[in-house]
Protein backbone atom coordinates (compact mmCIF):
# COMPACT_ATOMS: atom_id res chain seq x y z
CA MET A 1 -112.42 34.86 -188.69
CA ALA A 2 -110.48 37.46 -186.73
CA VAL A 3 -107.05 37.37 -185.12
CA CYS A 4 -106.71 38.12 -181.39
CA ASP A 5 -104.57 41.22 -180.74
CA THR A 6 -103.08 39.64 -177.60
CA CYS A 7 -102.27 36.03 -178.44
CA GLY A 8 -102.57 35.94 -182.24
CA ASN A 9 -105.13 33.14 -182.21
CA ASP A 10 -107.32 33.10 -185.33
CA ASP A 11 -110.80 32.46 -183.93
CA GLN A 12 -114.26 32.49 -185.44
CA ASN A 13 -115.70 33.65 -182.09
CA ALA A 14 -113.41 36.66 -181.72
CA PHE A 15 -114.99 39.91 -180.55
CA SER A 16 -114.03 43.58 -180.45
CA ILE A 17 -113.94 45.97 -177.51
CA THR A 18 -113.79 49.73 -177.89
CA ARG A 19 -112.74 52.07 -175.06
CA GLY A 20 -112.52 55.69 -176.08
CA SER A 21 -110.57 55.69 -179.33
CA ASP A 22 -108.88 52.32 -178.65
CA THR A 23 -110.36 49.19 -180.23
CA GLY A 24 -109.08 45.66 -179.80
CA THR A 25 -110.03 42.25 -181.17
CA PHE A 26 -109.84 39.32 -178.76
CA ASP A 27 -110.63 35.62 -178.64
CA SER A 28 -111.27 35.55 -174.86
CA PHE A 29 -111.94 37.84 -171.92
CA GLU A 30 -108.56 36.78 -170.56
CA CYS A 31 -106.81 38.32 -173.56
CA ALA A 32 -109.02 41.42 -173.43
CA ILE A 33 -108.23 41.95 -169.75
CA HIS A 34 -104.51 41.40 -170.30
CA THR A 35 -104.44 44.08 -172.98
CA MET A 36 -107.04 46.63 -171.93
CA ALA A 37 -107.53 46.54 -168.13
CA SER A 38 -105.90 49.25 -166.05
CA ARG A 39 -103.17 48.32 -163.56
CA CYS A 40 -103.09 49.17 -159.87
CA GLU A 41 -100.44 51.82 -159.20
CA THR A 42 -99.40 50.11 -155.94
CA CYS A 43 -99.33 46.35 -156.59
CA GLY A 44 -99.56 46.21 -160.39
CA CYS A 45 -102.48 43.78 -160.61
CA ARG A 46 -105.17 44.22 -163.27
CA ILE A 47 -108.26 46.11 -162.13
CA LEU A 48 -111.30 44.08 -163.15
CA GLY A 49 -113.98 45.98 -161.23
CA HIS A 50 -114.50 49.59 -160.30
CA GLY A 51 -111.32 49.82 -158.27
CA VAL A 52 -110.55 52.91 -156.21
CA GLU A 53 -109.60 56.27 -157.68
CA ARG A 54 -107.71 58.76 -155.54
CA ASN A 55 -106.43 62.05 -156.95
CA GLY A 56 -106.76 60.73 -160.51
CA THR A 57 -104.82 57.52 -159.84
CA LEU A 58 -106.40 54.05 -160.03
CA TYR A 59 -105.90 51.34 -157.40
CA CYS A 60 -107.36 47.83 -157.19
CA CYS A 61 -108.62 48.30 -153.61
CA ALA A 62 -108.76 50.70 -150.67
CA HIS A 63 -105.72 49.02 -149.06
CA CYS A 64 -103.49 49.82 -152.05
CA SER A 65 -104.86 53.36 -152.14
CA GLN A 66 -104.00 53.81 -148.46
CA GLN A 67 -100.53 52.28 -148.97
CA ALA A 68 -99.81 54.81 -151.72
CA SER A 69 -101.09 57.64 -149.53
CA ALA A 70 -98.89 56.54 -146.63
CA ALA A 71 -95.84 56.27 -148.90
CA ALA A 72 -96.44 59.83 -150.09
CA GLN A 73 -96.31 61.23 -146.54
CA PRO A 74 -93.18 63.18 -145.67
CA ALA A 75 -90.51 61.28 -143.77
CA PRO A 76 -90.59 61.76 -140.00
CA SER A 77 -88.21 64.34 -138.60
CA ALA A 78 -84.95 63.31 -137.00
CA PRO A 79 -85.17 61.86 -133.48
CA VAL A 80 -85.11 64.31 -130.62
CA ILE A 81 -81.95 64.08 -128.54
CA ALA A 82 -82.35 65.27 -124.96
CA SER A 83 -79.26 66.55 -123.23
CA VAL A 84 -78.56 64.91 -119.91
CA PRO A 85 -75.41 65.67 -117.96
CA ASP A 86 -72.54 63.48 -119.21
CA LYS A 87 -74.61 61.48 -121.75
CA GLN A 88 -76.97 61.70 -124.72
CA VAL A 89 -80.35 59.95 -124.49
CA SER A 90 -82.44 59.23 -127.55
CA ARG A 91 -86.14 59.59 -126.86
CA TRP A 92 -87.13 57.55 -129.95
CA LYS A 93 -87.03 53.78 -130.16
CA ASP A 94 -86.31 51.96 -133.42
CA ASP A 95 -89.77 50.39 -133.39
CA GLY A 96 -91.65 53.16 -135.14
CA GLY A 97 -90.98 56.17 -132.99
CA ALA A 98 -92.55 55.36 -129.62
CA ILE A 99 -91.19 57.54 -126.84
CA SER A 100 -89.25 55.62 -124.22
CA SER A 101 -89.66 56.30 -120.54
């Protein structure tokens, strides 16, 4: 019998998985996934399928990949202030930068 590397259960049906130079012994796929599956860089969930790779980083889905890409974009520049006699008028609203009329 072999002992699971994740939970320590001594099981006669334990199996080994090798990935590259890493080998683990497990009593269930749940334990194997917990120990060996990659994590999404955006949400942290385990990647059980192919996932999405962008610039060498793994994500669980296209949505998380896009979220990471959007977060990496430079911050928008400061709002433009137009000078009007006797007052300042901001041309940017607080709702994402739409120009007011």
